[in-house]
Amino acid sequence: MNKLIPLLLMLVAMPSMAQRQFDIEVIIFKRAVDAEQTAESWPEKVTKIDLERAASFGDVSYRNKKGVKMLPASEYALNDEVKKLNQHAGFKVLMHKAWRQGDQGRFGAPIFHVQAGRDYSGQFNPDGSMIEANQSQVLEGITEESIPKSLYQLDGKLQIYVEHYLYADVELDLKTPSVKDVTLEQHQPEVFSSEPSSDSQVVQVGLMEDVTPTVHKVEFLKSYRFDQKRRMRSTETHFLDHPLMGVIIQVRRVNQ
């Protein structure tokens, strides 16, 4: 009987451990800086973020499946931080959300698809190139104006999970209009044969002139990657820094 008591106590404790709940509040903001003037070396293109397991905050079915409850603004704890950021000319808040979730691990915790800020779909294509005037599609003789998908200034994913410790895994792209130099090909001058023809002994030689390539400036939508993973403690406010943006995360354990 005495041997059963520790086992029973452990079984009683296990459900309570599995039912831990956390309130998570996240602020994402951008800095008012020129990315190309920073000391960082930015790649012209970045790989596409894998969103296969992610869903939007507005997906009710996904939230129910993952045991997530969005919190009302009245329960936000970082409103003062948002106010200070918005009052500063050097920052702009792009997203401020809070929700409640359980203590699932990396493979069970919700992964949220983050989309915020300005929608550039009216100016740029998904690949970042500018939309040409009157861009349209022709299908079986019928011309249809293409309907652009949303192309948000901030796009990526965010996950908070528990594996012995709390972790935040954040992968975001901040999209900003930029300019790049494009070299245009020029028609090469024709070089005539120097061999004499059968009809004439006249030798014709093509013009051997230097061809200087034409460089044209093109505007495009450039993506700047934010990719960080951070171990956290509940009740503490954590700041994930980046030359162009910042993420503030606070995780609060819910009293049962």
C-alpha atoms as a PDB file:
ATOM      1  CA  MET A   1       0.000   0.000   0.000  1.00  0.00           C
ATOM      2  CA  ASN A   2       2.814   2.374   0.910  1.00  0.00           C
ATOM      3  CA  LYS A   3       4.349   1.774  -2.514  1.00  0.00           C
ATOM      4  CA  LEU A   4       1.121   2.834  -4.208  1.00  0.00           C
ATOM      5  CA  ILE A   5       0.944   6.231  -2.495  1.00  0.00           C
ATOM      6  CA  PRO A   6       3.843   7.863  -4.446  1.00  0.00           C
ATOM      7  CA  LEU A   7       2.427   6.442  -7.677  1.00  0.00           C
ATOM      8  CA  LEU A   8      -1.036   7.838  -6.936  1.00  0.00           C
ATOM      9  CA  LEU A   9       0.430  11.231  -6.057  1.00  0.00           C
ATOM     10  CA  MET A  10       2.338  11.265  -9.340  1.00  0.00           C
ATOM     11  CA  LEU A  11      -0.781  10.365 -11.317  1.00  0.00           C
ATOM     12  CA  VAL A  12      -2.718  13.149  -9.602  1.00  0.00           C
ATOM     13  CA  ALA A  13       0.031  15.666 -10.365  1.00  0.00           C
ATOM     14  CA  MET A  14       0.394  14.742 -14.046  1.00  0.00           C
ATOM     15  CA  PRO A  15      -2.930  16.213 -15.276  1.00  0.00           C
ATOM     16  CA  SER A  16      -2.248  19.504 -13.540  1.00  0.00           C
ATOM     17  CA  MET A  17       1.191  19.661 -15.150  1.00  0.00           C
ATOM     18  CA  ALA A  18      -0.287  19.014 -18.589  1.00  0.00           C
ATOM     19  CA  GLN A  19      -2.912  21.703 -18.126  1.00  0.00           C
ATOM     20  CA  ARG A  20      -0.565  24.635 -17.639  1.00  0.00           C
ATOM     21  CA  GLN A  21      -1.801  27.695 -19.474  1.00  0.00           C
ATOM     22  CA  PHE A  22       0.150  30.745 -20.607  1.00  0.00           C
ATOM     23  CA  ASP A  23      -0.947  34.192 -21.708  1.00  0.00           C
ATOM     24  CA  ILE A  24       1.357  35.339 -24.497  1.00  0.00           C
ATOM     25  CA  GLU A  25       1.598  38.932 -25.673  1.00  0.00           C
ATOM     26  CA  VAL A  26       3.653  39.967 -28.692  1.00  0.00           C
ATOM     27  CA  ILE A  27       4.586  43.340 -30.167  1.00  0.00           C
ATOM     28  CA  ILE A  28       6.359  43.579 -33.530  1.00  0.00           C
ATOM     29  CA  PHE A  29       7.644  46.956 -34.687  1.00  0.00           C
ATOM     30  CA  LYS A  30       9.829  48.332 -37.455  1.00  0.00           C
ATOM     31  CA  ARG A  31      12.601  50.885 -37.207  1.00  0.00           C
ATOM     32  CA  ALA A  32      12.574  54.030 -39.333  1.00  0.00           C
ATOM     33  CA  VAL A  33      15.983  53.362 -40.900  1.00  0.00           C
ATOM     34  CA  ASP A  34      17.282  52.869 -44.426  1.00  0.00           C
ATOM     35  CA  ALA A  35      18.247  49.207 -44.637  1.00  0.00           C
ATOM     36  CA  GLU A  36      20.936  49.862 -47.242  1.00  0.00           C
ATOM     37  CA  GLN A  37      22.612  52.415 -44.972  1.00  0.00           C
ATOM     38  CA  THR A  38      23.155  49.926 -42.152  1.00  0.00           C
ATOM     39  CA  ALA A  39      26.386  47.993 -41.624  1.00  0.00           C
ATOM     40  CA  GLU A  40      24.652  44.727 -42.516  1.00  0.00           C
ATOM     41  CA  SER A  41      25.138  42.925 -45.827  1.00  0.00           C
ATOM     42  CA  TRP A  42      21.687  41.931 -47.064  1.00  0.00           C
ATOM     43  CA  PRO A  43      21.098  39.226 -49.706  1.00  0.00           C
ATOM     44  CA  GLU A  44      19.091  40.385 -52.714  1.00  0.00           C
ATOM     45  CA  LYS A  45      16.766  37.380 -52.361  1.00  0.00           C
ATOM     46  CA  VAL A  46      15.780  35.180 -49.429  1.00  0.00           C
ATOM     47  CA  THR A  47      14.362  31.661 -49.367  1.00  0.00           C
ATOM     48  CA  LYS A  48      10.622  31.301 -48.940  1.00  0.00           C
ATOM     49  CA  ILE A  49       9.429  30.803 -45.356  1.00  0.00           C
ATOM     50  CA  ASP A  50       7.773  27.414 -44.821  1.00  0.00           C
ATOM     51  CA  LEU A  51       4.174  28.105 -43.753  1.00  0.00           C
ATOM     52  CA  GLU A  52       2.827  24.576 -44.233  1.00  0.00           C
ATOM     53  CA  ARG A  53       1.973  24.088 -40.532  1.00  0.00           C
ATOM     54  CA  ALA A  54       1.050  27.699 -39.824  1.00  0.00           C
ATOM     55  CA  ALA A  55      -2.386  29.334 -39.689  1.00  0.00           C
ATOM     56  CA  SER A  56      -3.612  32.871 -39.189  1.00  0.00           C
ATOM     57  CA  PHE A  57      -4.752  34.287 -35.861  1.00  0.00           C
ATOM     58  CA  GLY A  58      -8.212  34.598 -37.382  1.00  0.00           C
ATOM     59  CA  ASP A  59      -8.550  30.882 -38.169  1.00  0.00           C
ATOM     60  CA  VAL A  60     -11.098  29.831 -35.519  1.00  0.00           C
ATOM     61  CA  SER A  61     -10.951  26.140 -36.457  1.00  0.00           C
ATOM     62  CA  TYR A  62      -7.170  26.079 -36.055  1.00  0.00           C
ATOM     63  CA  ARG A  63      -7.345  27.918 -32.736  1.00  0.00           C
ATOM     64  CA  ASN A  64      -9.902  25.453 -31.375  1.00  0.00           C
ATOM     65  CA  LYS A  65      -7.786  22.524 -32.526  1.00  0.00           C
ATOM     66  CA  LYS A  66      -4.731  23.938 -30.753  1.00  0.00           C
ATOM     67  CA  GLY A  67      -6.593  25.094 -27.639  1.00  0.00           C
ATOM     68  CA  VAL A  68      -5.921  28.780 -28.273  1.00  0.00           C
ATOM     69  CA  LYS A  69      -8.034  31.663 -27.007  1.00  0.00           C
ATOM     70  CA  MET A  70      -7.445  35.195 -28.265  1.00  0.00           C
ATOM     71  CA  LEU A  71      -7.368  37.710 -25.411  1.00  0.00           C
ATOM     72  CA  PRO A  72      -9.386  40.946 -25.468  1.00  0.00           C
ATOM     73  CA  ALA A  73      -7.525  44.257 -25.467  1.00  0.00           C
ATOM     74  CA  SER A  74      -8.640  44.814 -21.867  1.00  0.00           C
ATOM     75  CA  GLU A  75      -6.304  41.974 -20.819  1.00  0.00           C
ATOM     76  CA  TYR A  76      -3.249  43.303 -22.651  1.00  0.00           C
ATOM     77  CA  ALA A  77      -0.333  44.176 -20.351  1.00  0.00           C
ATOM     78  CA  LEU A  78       2.014  45.918 -22.805  1.00  0.00           C
ATOM     79  CA  ASN A  79      -0.166  48.831 -23.904  1.00  0.00           C
ATOM     80  CA  ASP A  80       2.241  51.357 -22.370  1.00  0.00           C
ATOM     81  CA  GLU A  81       5.111  49.927 -24.418  1.00  0.00           C
ATOM     82  CA  VAL A  82       3.042  50.233 -27.600  1.00  0.00           C
ATOM     83  CA  LYS A  83       2.164  53.821 -26.752  1.00  0.00           C
ATOM     84  CA  LYS A  84       5.820  54.736 -26.205  1.00  0.00           C
ATOM     85  CA  LEU A  85       6.871  53.121 -29.476  1.00  0.00           C
ATOM     86  CA  ASN A  86       4.172  54.901 -31.466  1.00  0.00           C
ATOM     87  CA  GLN A  87       5.090  58.240 -29.913  1.00  0.00           C
ATOM     88  CA  HIS A  88       8.700  57.841 -31.048  1.00  0.00           C
ATOM     89  CA  ALA A  89       9.479  58.938 -34.604  1.00  0.00           C
ATOM     90  CA  GLY A  90      11.981  56.118 -35.011  1.00  0.00           C
ATOM     91  CA  PHE A  91       9.530  53.245 -34.540  1.00  0.00           C
ATOM     92  CA  LYS A  92       6.231  52.007 -35.919  1.00  0.00           C
ATOM     93  CA  VAL A  93       4.219  49.167 -34.372  1.00  0.00           C
ATOM     94  CA  LEU A  94       3.079  46.657 -37.004  1.00  0.00           C
ATOM     95  CA  MET A  95       1.426  44.057 -34.775  1.00  0.00           C
ATOM     96  CA  HIS A  96       0.204  43.768 -31.173  1.00  0.00           C
ATOM     97  CA  LYS A  97      -1.649  40.590 -30.204  1.00  0.00           C
ATOM     98  CA  ALA A  98      -2.209  38.428 -27.136  1.00  0.00           C
ATOM     99  CA  TRP A  99      -3.583  34.922 -26.709  1.00  0.00           C
ATOM    100  CA  ARG A 100      -3.781  32.018 -24.268  1.00  0.00           C
ATOM    101  CA  GLN A 101      -2.383  28.584 -25.073  1.00  0.00           C
ATOM    102  CA  GLY A 102      -1.264  25.407 -23.346  1.00  0.00           C
ATOM    103  CA  ASP A 103       2.207  24.047 -22.720  1.00  0.00           C
ATOM    104  CA  GLN A 104       2.549  21.989 -25.897  1.00  0.00           C
ATOM    105  CA  GLY A 105       5.936  21.087 -27.324  1.00  0.00           C
ATOM    106  CA  ARG A 106       7.409  22.180 -30.630  1.00  0.00           C
ATOM    107  CA  PHE A 107       5.406  19.664 -32.671  1.00  0.00           C
ATOM    108  CA  GLY A 108       2.083  20.407 -30.965  1.00  0.00           C
ATOM    109  CA  ALA A 109       2.143  24.115 -30.146  1.00  0.00           C
ATOM    110  CA  PRO A 110       0.353  26.510 -32.513  1.00  0.00           C
ATOM    111  CA  ILE A 111       2.335  28.205 -35.270  1.00  0.00           C
ATOM    112  CA  PHE A 112       0.814  31.509 -36.293  1.00  0.00           C
ATOM    113  CA  HIS A 113       1.113  33.052 -39.732  1.00  0.00           C
ATOM    114  CA  VAL A 114       1.975  36.692 -39.142  1.00  0.00           C
ATOM    115  CA  GLN A 115       0.764  39.246 -41.696  1.00  0.00           C
ATOM    116  CA  ALA A 116       0.786  42.922 -40.829  1.00  0.00           C
ATOM    117  CA  GLY A 117       1.590  46.399 -42.068  1.00  0.00           C
ATOM    118  CA  ARG A 118       1.087  47.849 -45.508  1.00  0.00           C
ATOM    119  CA  ASP A 119      -0.248  45.750 -48.390  1.00  0.00           C
ATOM    120  CA  TYR A 120       2.045  46.143 -51.432  1.00  0.00           C
ATOM    121  CA  SER A 121       0.002  43.922 -53.772  1.00  0.00           C
ATOM    122  CA  GLY A 122      -1.156  46.958 -55.753  1.00  0.00           C
ATOM    123  CA  GLN A 123       2.448  47.904 -56.635  1.00  0.00           C
ATOM    124  CA  PHE A 124       4.480  44.708 -56.716  1.00  0.00           C
ATOM    125  CA  ASN A 125       4.214  41.092 -57.810  1.00  0.00           C
ATOM    126  CA  PRO A 126       4.812  38.235 -55.332  1.00  0.00           C
ATOM    127  CA  ASP A 127       8.373  37.851 -56.682  1.00  0.00           C
ATOM    128  CA  GLY A 128       9.113  41.486 -55.790  1.00  0.00           C
ATOM    129  CA  SER A 129       9.054  42.899 -59.322  1.00  0.00           C
ATOM    130  CA  MET A 130       6.968  45.965 -60.073  1.00  0.00           C
ATOM    131  CA  ILE A 131       3.525  45.530 -61.591  1.00  0.00           C
ATOM    132  CA  GLU A 132       3.504  46.786 -65.161  1.00  0.00           C
ATOM    133  CA  ALA A 133       0.811  49.149 -66.370  1.00  0.00           C
ATOM    134  CA  ASN A 134      -2.422  47.358 -67.312  1.00  0.00           C
ATOM    135  CA  GLN A 135      -0.991  43.997 -66.279  1.00  0.00           C
ATOM    136  CA  SER A 136      -3.517  41.366 -67.333  1.00  0.00           C
ATOM    137  CA  GLN A 137      -4.027  37.767 -68.385  1.00  0.00           C
ATOM    138  CA  VAL A 138      -5.433  36.478 -71.664  1.00  0.00           C
ATOM    139  CA  LEU A 139      -7.429  33.252 -71.395  1.00  0.00           C
ATOM    140  CA  GLU A 140      -9.077  31.848 -74.545  1.00  0.00           C
ATOM    141  CA  GLY A 141      -9.313  35.256 -76.124  1.00  0.00           C
ATOM    142  CA  ILE A 142     -10.768  36.906 -73.019  1.00  0.00           C
ATOM    143  CA  THR A 143      -8.644  39.449 -71.212  1.00  0.00           C
ATOM    144  CA  GLU A 144      -8.952  39.349 -67.434  1.00  0.00           C
ATOM    145  CA  GLU A 145      -7.326  41.719 -65.015  1.00  0.00           C
ATOM    146  CA  SER A 146      -5.190  39.686 -62.606  1.00  0.00           C
ATOM    147  CA  ILE A 147      -6.379  39.818 -59.004  1.00  0.00           C
ATOM    148  CA  PRO A 148      -3.313  40.270 -56.789  1.00  0.00           C
ATOM    149  CA  LYS A 149      -2.946  38.360 -53.537  1.00  0.00           C
ATOM    150  CA  SER A 150      -2.108  40.278 -50.395  1.00  0.00           C
ATOM    151  CA  LEU A 151       1.573  41.160 -50.138  1.00  0.00           C
ATOM    152  CA  TYR A 152       2.038  42.419 -46.607  1.00  0.00           C
ATOM    153  CA  GLN A 153       4.933  44.488 -45.357  1.00  0.00           C
ATOM    154  CA  LEU A 154       5.460  41.945 -42.571  1.00  0.00           C
ATOM    155  CA  ASP A 155       5.036  38.256 -43.364  1.00  0.00           C
ATOM    156  CA  GLY A 156       6.242  35.138 -41.585  1.00  0.00           C
ATOM    157  CA  LYS A 157       5.534  32.848 -38.649  1.00  0.00           C
ATOM    158  CA  LEU A 158       5.740  32.798 -34.871  1.00  0.00           C
ATOM    159  CA  GLN A 159       5.665  29.920 -32.393  1.00  0.00           C
ATOM    160  CA  ILE A 160       5.853  29.739 -28.589  1.00  0.00           C
ATOM    161  CA  TYR A 161       6.373  26.249 -27.195  1.00  0.00           C
ATOM    162  CA  VAL A 162       7.627  24.339 -24.140  1.00  0.00           C
ATOM    163  CA  GLU A 163      10.447  21.798 -24.076  1.00  0.00           C
ATOM    164  CA  HIS A 164      11.658  21.861 -20.463  1.00  0.00           C
ATOM    165  CA  TYR A 165      11.924  25.637 -21.002  1.00  0.00           C
ATOM    166  CA  LEU A 166       9.812  28.170 -22.847  1.00  0.00           C
ATOM    167  CA  TYR A 167      10.992  28.972 -26.360  1.00  0.00           C
ATOM    168  CA  ALA A 168      10.101  31.558 -28.965  1.00  0.00           C
ATOM    169  CA  ASP A 169      10.802  30.738 -32.617  1.00  0.00           C
ATOM    170  CA  VAL A 170      10.325  33.722 -34.920  1.00  0.00           C
ATOM    171  CA  GLU A 171      10.891  33.865 -38.685  1.00  0.00           C
ATOM    172  CA  LEU A 172       9.732  37.016 -40.450  1.00  0.00           C
ATOM    173  CA  ASP A 173      10.308  38.962 -43.647  1.00  0.00           C
ATOM    174  CA  LEU A 174      10.089  42.748 -43.610  1.00  0.00           C
ATOM    175  CA  LYS A 175       9.384  43.959 -47.140  1.00  0.00           C
ATOM    176  CA  THR A 176      10.576  47.392 -48.228  1.00  0.00           C
ATOM    177  CA  PRO A 177      10.711  49.064 -51.674  1.00  0.00           C
ATOM    178  CA  SER A 178      14.299  49.257 -52.907  1.00  0.00           C
ATOM    179  CA  VAL A 179      16.245  50.010 -56.086  1.00  0.00           C
ATOM    180  CA  LYS A 180      18.721  47.807 -57.943  1.00  0.00           C
ATOM    181  CA  ASP A 181      20.863  48.231 -61.052  1.00  0.00           C
ATOM    182  CA  VAL A 182      19.928  46.071 -64.040  1.00  0.00           C
ATOM    183  CA  THR A 183      22.275  45.764 -67.017  1.00  0.00           C
ATOM    184  CA  LEU A 184      20.444  45.833 -70.350  1.00  0.00           C
ATOM    185  CA  GLU A 185      21.846  43.857 -73.275  1.00  0.00           C
ATOM    186  CA  GLN A 186      22.690  45.839 -76.392  1.00  0.00           C
ATOM    187  CA  HIS A 187      22.611  44.664 -80.009  1.00  0.00           C
ATOM    188  CA  GLN A 188      26.110  43.721 -81.088  1.00  0.00           C
ATOM    189  CA  PRO A 189      27.246  45.356 -84.355  1.00  0.00           C
ATOM    190  CA  GLU A 190      27.481  42.965 -87.305  1.00  0.00           C
ATOM    191  CA  VAL A 191      30.986  41.900 -88.263  1.00  0.00           C
ATOM    192  CA  PHE A 192      31.380  41.285 -91.990  1.00  0.00           C
ATOM    193  CA  SER A 193      33.613  38.564 -93.349  1.00  0.00           C
ATOM    194  CA  SER A 194      37.111  39.631 -94.305  1.00  0.00           C
ATOM    195  CA  GLU A 195      37.346  36.923 -96.962  1.00  0.00           C
ATOM    196  CA  PRO A 196      37.179  38.289-100.531  1.00  0.00           C
ATOM    197  CA  SER A 197      34.122  37.338-102.531  1.00  0.00           C
ATOM    198  CA  SER A 198      34.301  35.661-105.896  1.00  0.00           C
ATOM    199  CA  ASP A 199      32.850  38.761-107.581  1.00  0.00           C
ATOM    200  CA  SER A 200      35.046  41.388-106.057  1.00  0.00           C
ATOM    201  CA  GLN A 201      38.427  41.834-104.495  1.00  0.00           C
ATOM    202  CA  VAL A 202      37.025  44.467-102.089  1.00  0.00           C
ATOM    203  CA  VAL A 203      37.516  43.522 -98.429  1.00  0.00           C
ATOM    204  CA  GLN A 204      34.809  44.616 -95.953  1.00  0.00           C
ATOM    205  CA  VAL A 205      35.545  44.675 -92.241  1.00  0.00           C
ATOM    206  CA  GLY A 206      32.850  45.262 -89.625  1.00  0.00           C
ATOM    207  CA  LEU A 207      32.972  48.162 -87.208  1.00  0.00           C
ATOM    208  CA  MET A 208      35.067  47.167 -84.223  1.00  0.00           C
ATOM    209  CA  GLU A 209      33.679  49.606 -81.664  1.00  0.00           C
ATOM    210  CA  ASP A 210      33.456  49.324 -77.892  1.00  0.00           C
ATOM    211  CA  VAL A 211      30.016  48.404 -76.571  1.00  0.00           C
ATOM    212  CA  THR A 212      29.201  49.926 -73.193  1.00  0.00           C
ATOM    213  CA  PRO A 213      26.339  48.118 -71.408  1.00  0.00           C
ATOM    214  CA  THR A 214      23.385  50.243 -70.363  1.00  0.00           C
ATOM    215  CA  VAL A 215      22.632  50.179 -66.645  1.00  0.00           C
ATOM    216  CA  HIS A 216      19.021  50.832 -65.705  1.00  0.00           C
ATOM    217  CA  LYS A 217      17.707  51.391 -62.166  1.00  0.00           C
ATOM    218  CA  VAL A 218      14.697  49.238 -61.308  1.00  0.00           C
ATOM    219  CA  GLU A 219      12.472  49.495 -58.264  1.00  0.00           C
ATOM    220  CA  PHE A 220      11.570  46.214 -56.543  1.00  0.00           C
ATOM    221  CA  LEU A 221      10.226  44.939 -53.230  1.00  0.00           C
ATOM    222  CA  LYS A 222      13.086  43.589 -51.141  1.00  0.00           C
ATOM    223  CA  SER A 223      12.658  41.187 -48.217  1.00  0.00           C
ATOM    224  CA  TYR A 224      14.803  41.449 -45.099  1.00  0.00           C
ATOM    225  CA  ARG A 225      14.859  38.290 -42.986  1.00  0.00           C
ATOM    226  CA  PHE A 226      14.412  38.125 -39.207  1.00  0.00           C
ATOM    227  CA  ASP A 227      15.172  34.606 -37.929  1.00  0.00           C
ATOM    228  CA  GLN A 228      15.674  34.092 -34.198  1.00  0.00           C
ATOM    229  CA  LYS A 229      15.054  31.470 -31.557  1.00  0.00           C
ATOM    230  CA  ARG A 230      15.081  32.460 -27.881  1.00  0.00           C
ATOM    231  CA  ARG A 231      14.794  30.586 -24.599  1.00  0.00           C
ATOM    232  CA  MET A 232      12.544  32.490 -22.216  1.00  0.00           C
ATOM    233  CA  ARG A 233      11.198  32.590 -18.685  1.00  0.00           C
ATOM    234  CA  SER A 234       7.584  33.248 -17.844  1.00  0.00           C
ATOM    235  CA  THR A 235       6.714  36.615 -16.226  1.00  0.00           C
ATOM    236  CA  GLU A 236       9.743  38.212 -17.922  1.00  0.00           C
ATOM    237  CA  THR A 237       9.567  40.538 -20.928  1.00  0.00           C
ATOM    238  CA  HIS A 238      11.943  39.508 -23.707  1.00  0.00           C
ATOM    239  CA  PHE A 239      13.259  41.654 -26.553  1.00  0.00           C
ATOM    240  CA  LEU A 240      14.474  40.159 -29.836  1.00  0.00           C
ATOM    241  CA  ASP A 241      16.576  42.738 -31.644  1.00  0.00           C
ATOM    242  CA  HIS A 242      17.294  43.310 -35.344  1.00  0.00           C
ATOM    243  CA  PRO A 243      18.736  46.280 -37.294  1.00  0.00           C
ATOM    244  CA  LEU A 244      15.368  46.914 -38.993  1.00  0.00           C
ATOM    245  CA  MET A 245      12.792  45.689 -36.484  1.00  0.00           C
ATOM    246  CA  GLY A 246      12.163  44.368 -33.004  1.00  0.00           C
ATOM    247  CA  VAL A 247       9.952  41.802 -31.279  1.00  0.00           C
ATOM    248  CA  ILE A 248       8.771  42.136 -27.668  1.00  0.00           C
ATOM    249  CA  ILE A 249       7.382  38.976 -26.051  1.00  0.00           C
ATOM    250  CA  GLN A 250       5.881  38.523 -22.605  1.00  0.00           C
ATOM    251  CA  VAL A 251       4.691  35.114 -21.372  1.00  0.00           C
ATOM    252  CA  ARG A 252       2.546  35.063 -18.231  1.00  0.00           C
ATOM    253  CA  ARG A 253       1.624  31.824 -16.497  1.00  0.00           C
ATOM    254  CA  VAL A 254      -2.105  31.616 -15.775  1.00  0.00           C
ATOM    255  CA  ASN A 255      -3.023  30.857 -12.166  1.00  0.00           C
ATOM    256  CA  GLN A 256      -5.191  27.749 -12.027  1.00  0.00           C
END
